[in-house]
Amino acid sequence: MTGNVRYARATGAHIAYEETGFGPRDVLVVMDGFIPVDTMGDEPRLARCMSRLNSLGRLIRFDRRGIGLSDPVSPSSPPTLEQWVDDAIAVLDAVGSERAVVLASAEASPVGLLIAATRPERVESLVVVNAYARALRDVDYPIGLLASVVDEALETSTALIKPEPDLDWVYTAAPSAAHDPQFRQWWEETGRRGASPATARALLRVALESDVRATLPLIQVPTLVAHLRDESVIRVAVGRYVADHIPGATWAEIAGADDYWWASDSAPLVLDEIEEFVTGARSHALTNRFLSTILFTDIVASTEHLATSGDKRWREMLDRFDVTVRRQLRRFGGVEVNTTGDGFVATFDGPARAVACAGAIRDGSRQLGLEVRTGVHTGEVERRGNDIAGMGVHIAARIAALAEPSSVWVSRTVTDLAVGSGIHFDARGERELKGVPGRWPLYAVADTPER
């Protein structure tokens, strides 16, 4: 899932945004953290959450001024919450959205609350996750954070050097993903692209020192306040305060401990609450099965590469391969499901994009001196947490195993659904797929070299 980055003109700044999909409603995400719109698809946990949100309607995401691809700001003169609200409205104007479901979380939640309070005519409903109206403790607000804790958070979350384990912001903000080295690598890379340390510190200070408590009673749009029960940065009592002071707000307390909910193992539960609130039903809760196009890649002769190049050089080669694959997945709207040592499993919402992505991965791998074989199949899969399973997955894996080096092989289902796409296929005959009943007609993308 990806869109083209465009720019909206807000007062005093150009604001980068993306819109993807379509549907009965618009969903505007006011993103937390320093995550540019063009890097959201690089992290599987975040990509899956965005894909689920996209199933609710047209998804609109943007970089607040000072972050990512939007105009930079001076750390000595950071934007105000009101300017960030202006950024959101400018993006809605640019995409022609009259009203949208507004989703904001963590340190971006005050922006979402302020949008709903000051521009209710543009808000269909409001969803805030791990939200606060004020972060700092005060005499009339004992549930807030001590100023010293906020100062430590500002320092550790924008540190230039690798922190000590007990000061590791990733463990604090995203404990579910803290042991995933790929998540950490993405977090560091996207953070560097999102804002410099000085800018990030200044923007965080604006968010953490804000106080929008007075606006809560003014919010009249339908509001869902969801909070992870064991969240250690913004405690559950702080979220409960928000819900208690917004008239008619719906409160949802969910098991979990991550500040950034989309990185949590409990993210599917949060999404269930959001879906039911927005649509009135939990379609994903009723069934874990869905139709998808599955792509499998496998590096040819990986053990020989390891033997001839050595462990260190081969690891470096695999790292470059991973970057190449993820770049193409983002380009063609694929969602990374998992890696298989020297290959990838990804899903797409259409076979043509999957086939085009497979060809781009093949071409990029050749530039690294690698050959890959790829299998693509469209069929029913079963969601199991953050993974997928089922006969559709098994078939795609078996097709990849039969494919020739530097080729993209597909099932008959893919060729039928790709009619009119301009993609041509060469028949490779009927084959037996281990563990799959019957014989299956397989095809290779026509521009695949003959072997």
Protein backbone atom coordinates (compact mmCIF):
# COMPACT_ATOMS: atom_id res chain seq x y z
CA MET A 1 0.00 0.00 0.00
CA THR A 2 1.55 3.27 -1.08
CA GLY A 3 0.60 6.53 -2.70
CA ASN A 4 2.37 9.42 -4.37
CA VAL A 5 3.74 12.11 -2.10
CA ARG A 6 2.19 15.49 -2.85
CA TYR A 7 2.26 18.86 -1.14
CA ALA A 8 -0.48 20.97 0.41
CA ARG A 9 -0.01 24.67 1.04
CA ALA A 10 -0.62 25.57 4.66
CA THR A 11 -0.02 28.98 6.19
CA GLY A 12 3.75 29.42 6.02
CA ALA A 13 4.67 25.88 5.02
CA HIS A 14 4.40 23.14 2.40
CA ILE A 15 3.00 19.96 3.92
CA ALA A 16 3.84 16.55 2.44
CA TYR A 17 0.98 14.06 2.30
CA GLU A 18 -0.15 10.79 0.74
CA GLU A 19 -3.63 9.48 0.01
CA THR A 20 -4.33 5.83 -0.75
CA GLY A 21 -7.42 3.81 -1.54
CA PHE A 22 -11.04 4.84 -1.53
CA GLY A 23 -14.19 4.01 0.34
CA PRO A 24 -17.22 5.35 2.18
CA ARG A 25 -15.14 7.63 4.43
CA ASP A 26 -11.82 9.42 4.76
CA VAL A 27 -9.38 8.49 7.53
CA LEU A 28 -6.83 11.17 8.43
CA VAL A 29 -3.84 9.93 10.43
CA VAL A 30 -1.98 12.49 12.54
CA MET A 31 1.15 10.39 12.93
CA ASP A 32 3.09 10.13 16.16
CA GLY A 33 6.88 9.94 16.22
CA PHE A 34 9.17 11.26 13.49
CA ILE A 35 8.12 8.91 10.71
CA PRO A 36 7.96 10.41 7.20
CA VAL A 37 5.04 9.27 5.07
CA ASP A 38 7.38 7.61 2.55
CA THR A 39 8.96 5.34 5.18
CA MET A 40 5.79 4.03 6.85
CA GLY A 41 5.60 1.09 4.46
CA ASP A 42 9.13 -0.02 5.34
CA GLU A 43 8.17 -1.34 8.78
CA PRO A 44 5.92 -4.42 8.64
CA ARG A 45 4.05 -3.74 11.90
CA LEU A 46 3.20 -0.19 10.89
CA ALA A 47 2.43 -1.21 7.30
CA ARG A 48 -0.07 -3.83 8.46
CA CYS A 49 -1.84 -1.30 10.68
CA MET A 50 -2.02 1.23 7.88
CA SER A 51 -3.35 -1.40 5.51
CA ARG A 52 -6.09 -2.28 7.99
CA LEU A 53 -6.99 1.40 8.39
CA ASN A 54 -7.05 1.71 4.60
CA SER A 55 -9.74 -0.99 4.53
CA LEU A 56 -12.05 1.48 6.31
CA GLY A 57 -11.84 4.06 3.51
CA ARG A 58 -9.48 6.49 1.86
CA LEU A 59 -6.34 6.80 4.01
CA ILE A 60 -4.74 10.24 4.28
CA ARG A 61 -1.36 10.66 5.97
CA PHE A 62 0.89 13.69 6.25
CA ASP A 63 4.11 14.97 7.78
CA ARG A 64 3.51 17.79 10.22
CA ARG A 65 5.69 20.82 9.50
CA GLY A 66 9.18 20.20 10.85
CA ILE A 67 8.94 16.45 10.19
CA GLY A 68 10.07 14.35 7.24
CA LEU A 69 9.27 15.71 3.78
CA SER A 70 7.38 18.79 4.95
CA ASP A 71 9.09 22.14 5.27
CA PRO A 72 11.71 22.21 8.04
CA VAL A 73 11.55 24.48 11.07
CA SER A 74 14.15 26.08 13.29
CA PRO A 75 14.61 24.33 16.66
CA SER A 76 14.59 27.80 18.23
CA SER A 77 11.17 28.54 16.72
CA PRO A 78 9.14 25.31 16.63
CA PRO A 79 5.55 25.23 15.36
CA THR A 80 2.57 25.53 17.66
CA LEU A 81 -0.25 23.03 18.05
CA GLU A 82 -2.46 25.44 16.13
CA GLN A 83 -0.06 25.40 13.19
CA TRP A 84 -0.13 21.61 13.17
CA VAL A 85 -3.93 21.80 13.11
CA ASP A 86 -3.63 24.14 10.11
CA ASP A 87 -1.39 21.53 8.44
CA ALA A 88 -4.07 18.86 8.84
CA ILE A 89 -6.84 21.10 7.48
CA ALA A 90 -4.66 22.14 4.52
CA VAL A 91 -4.17 18.47 3.65
CA LEU A 92 -7.91 17.77 3.86
CA ASP A 93 -8.51 20.73 1.57
CA ALA A 94 -5.86 19.50 -0.88
CA VAL A 95 -7.46 16.04 -1.23
CA GLY A 96 -10.99 17.40 -1.39
CA SER A 97 -12.11 15.88 1.91
CA GLU A 98 -15.01 17.66 3.57
CA ARG A 99 -15.00 15.51 6.72
CA ALA A 100 -12.76 12.75 7.96
CA VAL A 101 -12.27 10.29 10.77
CA VAL A 102 -9.27 11.76 12.62
CA LEU A 103 -6.84 9.33 14.27
CA ALA A 104 -4.07 10.62 16.55
CA SER A 105 -2.01 8.93 19.23
CA ALA A 106 0.77 9.41 21.78
CA GLU A 107 2.42 12.83 21.48
CA ALA A 108 0.30 13.66 18.41
CA SER A 109 -2.93 13.20 20.39
CA PRO A 110 -3.19 16.88 21.51
CA VAL A 111 -3.25 17.83 17.81
CA GLY A 112 -6.13 15.43 17.15
CA LEU A 113 -8.04 16.71 20.17
CA LEU A 114 -7.55 20.30 19.06
CA ILE A 115 -8.72 19.54 15.50
CA ALA A 116 -11.95 18.05 16.85
CA ALA A 117 -12.53 20.93 19.27
CA THR A 118 -11.79 23.81 16.88
CA ARG A 119 -12.80 22.39 13.48
CA PRO A 120 -15.71 20.06 14.24
CA GLU A 121 -17.26 20.66 10.81
CA ARG A 122 -14.28 18.80 9.29
CA VAL A 123 -14.38 15.83 11.68
CA GLU A 124 -16.71 12.87 11.21
CA SER A 125 -15.38 11.21 14.36
CA LEU A 126 -12.24 11.26 16.50
CA VAL A 127 -10.07 8.33 17.59
CA VAL A 128 -7.20 8.86 20.02
CA VAL A 129 -4.92 6.10 21.30
CA ASN A 130 -2.65 6.43 24.34
CA ALA A 131 -3.76 10.04 24.45
CA TYR A 132 -3.22 12.88 26.87
CA ALA A 133 -4.58 16.39 27.19
CA ARG A 134 -1.65 17.35 29.40
CA ALA A 135 1.53 15.36 29.92
CA LEU A 136 3.17 17.28 32.78
CA ARG A 137 2.13 16.96 36.41
CA ASP A 138 0.52 19.98 38.05
CA VAL A 139 -1.06 20.80 41.39
CA ASP A 140 -4.50 20.11 39.93
CA TYR A 141 -3.24 17.26 37.76
CA PRO A 142 -1.30 14.73 39.87
CA ILE A 143 -1.50 11.97 37.25
CA GLY A 144 0.93 13.74 34.91
CA LEU A 145 4.65 13.13 34.44
CA LEU A 146 7.32 14.84 36.50
CA ALA A 147 9.26 17.48 34.59
CA SER A 148 12.45 15.50 35.23
CA VAL A 149 10.90 12.44 33.55
CA VAL A 150 9.94 14.51 30.52
CA ASP A 151 13.47 15.93 30.30
CA GLU A 152 14.91 12.40 30.41
CA ALA A 153 12.47 11.25 27.72
CA LEU A 154 13.48 14.17 25.50
CA GLU A 155 17.13 13.27 25.90
CA THR A 156 16.93 9.49 25.45
CA SER A 157 14.45 9.56 22.55
CA THR A 158 16.65 11.95 20.54
CA ALA A 159 20.06 10.66 21.63
CA LEU A 160 22.95 10.85 19.18
CA ILE A 161 24.76 7.87 20.72
CA LYS A 162 23.60 4.36 21.49
CA PRO A 163 21.87 4.48 24.89
CA GLU A 164 22.45 2.25 27.85
CA PRO A 165 19.90 -0.57 28.14
CA ASP A 166 18.08 1.07 31.05
CA LEU A 167 17.77 4.32 29.05
CA ASP A 168 16.74 2.70 25.79
CA TRP A 169 13.76 4.62 24.39
CA VAL A 170 12.72 1.75 22.11
CA TYR A 171 12.28 -0.53 25.13
CA THR A 172 10.14 2.15 26.72
CA ALA A 173 8.04 3.20 23.75
CA ALA A 174 7.77 -0.07 21.81
CA PRO A 175 8.61 -3.03 24.06
CA SER A 176 6.80 -5.48 21.74
CA ALA A 177 9.28 -4.71 18.96
CA ALA A 178 12.37 -3.86 21.00
CA HIS A 179 13.99 -7.26 20.44
CA ASP A 180 13.54 -7.08 16.65
CA PRO A 181 16.81 -5.85 15.07
CA GLN A 182 15.05 -4.94 11.82
CA PHE A 183 12.63 -2.74 13.73
CA ARG A 184 15.51 -1.03 15.50
CA GLN A 185 17.33 -0.42 12.23
CA TRP A 186 14.19 1.02 10.65
CA TRP A 187 13.51 3.13 13.76
CA GLU A 188 16.97 4.69 13.63
CA GLU A 189 16.93 5.27 9.87
CA THR A 190 13.44 6.73 9.71
CA GLY A 191 14.13 8.89 12.76
CA ARG A 192 17.18 10.40 11.10
CA ARG A 193 15.05 11.21 8.05
CA GLY A 194 12.21 12.50 10.19
CA ALA A 195 14.02 15.24 12.08
CA SER A 196 17.46 16.19 13.35
CA PRO A 197 18.07 15.63 17.10
CA ALA A 198 17.70 19.33 17.91
CA THR A 199 14.51 19.66 15.86
CA ALA A 200 13.06 16.45 17.28
CA ARG A 201 13.75 17.65 20.82
CA ALA A 202 12.08 21.00 20.12
CA LEU A 203 8.99 19.41 18.54
CA LEU A 204 8.63 16.89 21.35
CA ARG A 205 8.86 19.67 23.89
CA VAL A 206 5.96 21.46 22.19
CA ALA A 207 3.86 18.29 22.35
CA LEU A 208 4.81 17.27 25.89
CA GLU A 209 4.46 20.74 27.39
CA SER A 210 1.07 21.41 25.79
CA ASP A 211 -2.16 21.55 27.75
CA VAL A 212 -5.47 21.17 25.90
CA ARG A 213 -7.59 20.14 28.89
CA ALA A 214 -9.85 23.17 28.44
CA THR A 215 -10.85 21.97 24.97
CA LEU A 216 -12.08 18.51 26.04
CA PRO A 217 -15.64 19.57 27.06
CA LEU A 218 -15.95 21.41 23.73
CA ILE A 219 -15.50 18.24 21.66
CA GLN A 220 -18.92 17.25 20.37
CA VAL A 221 -17.98 14.75 17.65
CA PRO A 222 -18.21 11.01 18.35
CA THR A 223 -14.95 10.08 20.09
CA LEU A 224 -13.16 6.83 20.89
CA VAL A 225 -10.43 6.96 23.52
CA ALA A 226 -8.39 3.74 23.49
CA HIS A 227 -5.46 3.07 25.81
CA LEU A 228 -3.05 0.21 26.38
CA ARG A 229 -3.45 -0.81 30.01
CA ASP A 230 0.22 -1.08 31.00
CA GLU A 231 1.54 1.82 28.93
CA SER A 232 4.46 3.24 30.95
CA VAL A 233 4.94 6.63 29.26
CA ILE A 234 1.35 7.92 29.26
CA ARG A 235 -0.36 5.94 31.99
CA VAL A 236 -3.87 4.60 31.62
CA ALA A 237 -5.23 7.12 34.17
CA VAL A 238 -4.17 9.93 31.82
CA GLY A 239 -6.14 8.41 28.97
CA ARG A 240 -9.10 7.85 31.27
CA TYR A 241 -9.02 11.55 32.14
CA VAL A 242 -9.40 12.39 28.43
CA ALA A 243 -12.37 10.04 28.07
CA ASP A 244 -14.06 11.33 31.22
CA HIS A 245 -13.90 14.94 30.07
CA ILE A 246 -15.15 14.51 26.47
CA PRO A 247 -18.96 14.36 26.42
CA GLY A 248 -20.18 10.92 25.42
CA ALA A 249 -16.71 9.53 24.65
CA THR A 250 -16.29 5.77 24.27
CA TRP A 251 -13.55 4.29 26.44
CA ALA A 252 -11.59 1.16 25.47
CA GLU A 253 -8.89 -0.24 27.74
CA ILE A 254 -6.75 -2.84 25.98
CA ALA A 255 -4.03 -5.19 27.22
CA GLY A 256 -0.58 -4.00 26.18
CA ALA A 257 2.32 -1.78 27.19
CA ASP A 258 3.50 0.06 24.06
CA ASP A 259 3.41 3.85 23.77
CA TYR A 260 3.37 3.49 19.99
CA TRP A 261 0.32 1.27 19.70
CA TRP A 262 0.97 0.27 16.07
CA ALA A 263 4.19 -1.48 17.15
CA SER A 264 2.38 -3.46 19.83
CA ASP A 265 1.47 -7.12 19.73
CA SER A 266 -1.95 -5.82 20.77
CA ALA A 267 -2.34 -3.67 17.64
CA PRO A 268 -4.98 -6.02 16.11
CA LEU A 269 -7.12 -5.50 19.24
CA VAL A 270 -6.80 -1.73 18.94
CA LEU A 271 -7.77 -1.95 15.28
CA ASP A 272 -10.81 -4.06 16.19
CA GLU A 273 -11.96 -1.30 18.54
CA ILE A 274 -11.37 1.36 15.90
CA GLU A 275 -13.19 -0.60 13.21
CA GLU A 276 -16.22 -1.27 15.38
CA PHE A 277 -16.38 2.37 16.48
CA VAL A 278 -16.06 3.75 12.94
CA THR A 279 -18.19 1.22 11.05
CA GLY A 280 -20.40 -0.30 13.74
CA ALA A 281 -19.06 -3.82 13.16
CA ARG A 282 -15.88 -5.85 13.50
CA SER A 283 -15.56 -7.57 10.15
CA HIS A 284 -12.00 -8.66 10.90
CA ALA A 285 -13.03 -10.05 14.24
CA LEU A 286 -15.60 -12.31 12.58
CA THR A 287 -13.14 -13.99 10.27
CA ASN A 288 -9.39 -14.27 9.95
CA ARG A 289 -9.58 -15.44 6.34
CA PHE A 290 -9.26 -13.13 3.36
CA LEU A 291 -8.28 -13.15 -0.30
CA SER A 292 -4.78 -11.91 -1.01
CA THR A 293 -1.98 -12.14 -3.55
CA ILE A 294 1.06 -13.77 -1.95
CA LEU A 295 4.62 -13.29 -3.17
CA PHE A 296 7.49 -15.58 -2.18
CA THR A 297 11.14 -14.86 -3.03
CA ASP A 298 14.10 -17.19 -2.65
CA ILE A 299 17.78 -16.49 -3.37
CA VAL A 300 19.26 -19.07 -5.72
CA ALA A 301 22.33 -20.98 -4.43
CA SER A 302 22.44 -19.11 -1.12
CA THR A 303 24.53 -21.79 0.60
CA GLU A 304 27.12 -21.61 -2.20
CA HIS A 305 27.24 -17.82 -1.82
CA LEU A 306 27.85 -18.22 1.90
CA ALA A 307 30.60 -20.77 1.36
CA THR A 308 32.49 -18.65 -1.19
CA SER A 309 32.06 -15.19 0.36
CA GLY A 310 32.20 -15.92 4.07
CA ASP A 311 29.72 -15.16 6.78
CA LYS A 312 30.44 -11.41 7.15
CA ARG A 313 30.34 -10.57 3.43
CA TRP A 314 27.27 -12.73 2.91
CA ARG A 315 25.51 -10.99 5.79
CA GLU A 316 26.32 -7.62 4.21
CA MET A 317 24.99 -8.90 0.88
CA LEU A 318 21.75 -10.05 2.55
CA ASP A 319 21.37 -6.66 4.20
CA ARG A 320 21.61 -4.96 0.80
CA PHE A 321 19.15 -7.49 -0.63
CA ASP A 322 16.70 -6.74 2.19
CA VAL A 323 16.91 -3.01 1.47
CA THR A 324 16.29 -3.66 -2.24
CA VAL A 325 13.25 -5.83 -1.57
CA ARG A 326 11.70 -3.44 0.94
CA ARG A 327 12.18 -0.52 -1.43
CA GLN A 328 10.24 -2.36 -4.13
CA LEU A 329 7.53 -3.51 -1.71
CA ARG A 330 6.98 0.09 -0.73
CA ARG A 331 6.97 1.16 -4.37
CA PHE A 332 4.33 -1.36 -5.43
CA GLY A 333 2.18 -1.38 -2.31
CA GLY A 334 3.26 -4.73 -0.88
CA VAL A 335 3.08 -5.57 2.82
CA GLU A 336 6.00 -7.54 4.23
CA VAL A 337 4.75 -10.46 6.29
CA ASN A 338 8.02 -12.07 7.29
CA THR A 339 11.43 -13.14 6.06
CA THR A 340 12.51 -16.72 5.44
CA GLY A 341 16.25 -16.44 6.06
CA ASP A 342 17.23 -15.50 2.51
CA GLY A 343 13.81 -14.67 1.14
CA PHE A 344 10.64 -12.68 1.75
CA VAL A 345 6.92 -13.32 2.09
CA ALA A 346 4.68 -10.37 1.18
CA THR A 347 1.04 -9.74 0.37
CA PHE A 348 -0.60 -7.45 -2.18
CA ASP A 349 -4.17 -6.36 -2.78
CA GLY A 350 -3.83 -7.09 -6.51
CA PRO A 351 -1.87 -9.58 -8.66
CA ALA A 352 -0.61 -7.04 -11.24
CA ARG A 353 1.24 -5.06 -8.57
CA ALA A 354 2.66 -8.25 -7.11
CA VAL A 355 3.99 -9.39 -10.49
CA ALA A 356 5.47 -5.96 -11.23
CA CYS A 357 7.11 -5.92 -7.81
CA ALA A 358 8.54 -9.40 -8.37
CA GLY A 359 10.14 -8.26 -11.63
CA ALA A 360 11.64 -5.20 -9.94
CA ILE A 361 13.05 -7.35 -7.12
CA ARG A 362 14.58 -9.69 -9.70
CA ASP A 363 16.21 -6.80 -11.56
CA GLY A 364 17.49 -5.17 -8.38
CA SER A 365 18.91 -8.47 -7.15
CA ARG A 366 20.83 -8.94 -10.38
CA GLN A 367 22.59 -5.65 -9.74
CA LEU A 368 23.79 -7.14 -6.45
CA GLY A 369 25.06 -10.24 -8.22
CA LEU A 370 22.21 -12.40 -6.94
CA GLU A 371 19.55 -14.46 -8.67
CA VAL A 372 16.14 -14.94 -7.13
CA ARG A 373 13.24 -17.19 -7.97
CA THR A 374 9.77 -15.89 -7.19
CA GLY A 375 6.33 -17.44 -6.87
CA VAL A 376 3.06 -15.48 -6.95
CA HIS A 377 -0.41 -16.85 -6.18
CA THR A 378 -3.78 -15.32 -5.38
CA GLY A 379 -5.84 -17.27 -2.90
CA GLU A 380 -7.39 -17.39 0.53
CA VAL A 381 -5.05 -16.92 3.49
CA GLU A 382 -5.57 -16.98 7.22
CA ARG A 383 -4.28 -14.24 9.48
CA ARG A 384 -2.46 -15.58 12.55
CA GLY A 385 -1.32 -12.62 14.60
CA ASN A 386 1.25 -10.85 12.45
CA ASP A 387 1.74 -13.88 10.20
CA ILE A 388 -0.36 -15.56 7.53
CA ALA A 389 -1.04 -19.23 6.87
CA GLY A 390 -3.29 -21.48 4.82
CA MET A 391 -3.29 -23.29 1.50
CA GLY A 392 -2.80 -20.05 -0.47
CA VAL A 393 0.50 -19.43 1.30
CA HIS A 394 1.58 -23.02 0.78
CA ILE A 395 0.83 -22.86 -2.96
CA ALA A 396 2.84 -19.65 -3.42
CA ALA A 397 5.81 -21.21 -1.62
CA ARG A 398 5.69 -24.33 -3.81
CA ILE A 399 5.51 -22.25 -7.00
CA ALA A 400 8.58 -20.28 -5.89
CA ALA A 401 10.45 -23.54 -5.24
CA LEU A 402 9.76 -24.71 -8.81
CA ALA A 403 10.59 -21.41 -10.51
CA GLU A 404 13.71 -21.10 -12.60
CA PRO A 405 16.52 -18.74 -11.50
CA SER A 406 15.77 -15.08 -12.19
CA SER A 407 12.19 -15.91 -13.12
CA VAL A 408 8.75 -15.02 -11.82
CA TRP A 409 6.30 -17.91 -11.87
CA VAL A 410 2.61 -17.56 -11.15
CA SER A 411 -0.51 -19.68 -10.79
CA ARG A 412 -3.40 -19.79 -13.25
CA THR A 413 -5.42 -17.68 -10.83
CA VAL A 414 -2.94 -14.82 -11.19
CA THR A 415 -3.05 -14.93 -15.00
CA ASP A 416 -6.86 -14.89 -14.97
CA LEU A 417 -7.03 -11.91 -12.62
CA ALA A 418 -4.30 -10.02 -14.49
CA VAL A 419 -6.23 -9.95 -17.77
CA GLY A 420 -6.08 -6.42 -19.16
CA SER A 421 -3.02 -5.47 -17.13
CA GLY A 422 -0.67 -5.68 -20.12
CA ILE A 423 1.37 -8.43 -18.47
CA HIS A 424 2.04 -11.47 -20.66
CA PHE A 425 2.74 -14.98 -19.47
CA ASP A 426 4.39 -18.08 -20.95
CA ALA A 427 2.96 -21.48 -20.07
CA ARG A 428 5.27 -23.78 -18.10
CA GLY A 429 2.95 -26.77 -18.14
CA GLU A 430 1.10 -28.55 -15.39
CA ARG A 431 3.12 -29.32 -12.27
CA GLU A 432 2.59 -31.17 -9.04
CA LEU A 433 2.91 -28.99 -5.98
CA LYS A 434 4.10 -30.93 -2.97
CA GLY A 435 1.32 -31.21 -0.42
CA VAL A 436 -1.30 -29.74 -2.79
CA PRO A 437 -3.88 -31.99 -4.47
CA GLY A 438 -3.96 -32.29 -8.27
CA ARG A 439 -1.74 -30.83 -10.97
CA TRP A 440 -1.43 -27.07 -11.36
CA PRO A 441 -0.87 -25.14 -14.61
CA LEU A 442 1.97 -22.68 -14.01
CA TYR A 443 3.15 -19.67 -16.00
CA ALA A 444 6.23 -17.46 -16.17
CA VAL A 445 6.15 -13.72 -16.73
CA ALA A 446 6.94 -13.34 -20.41
CA ASP A 447 9.97 -11.09 -19.98
CA THR A 448 11.63 -13.72 -17.80
CA PRO A 449 14.75 -15.03 -19.59
CA GLU A 450 14.50 -18.54 -20.91
CA ARG A 451 16.70 -21.04 -19.09
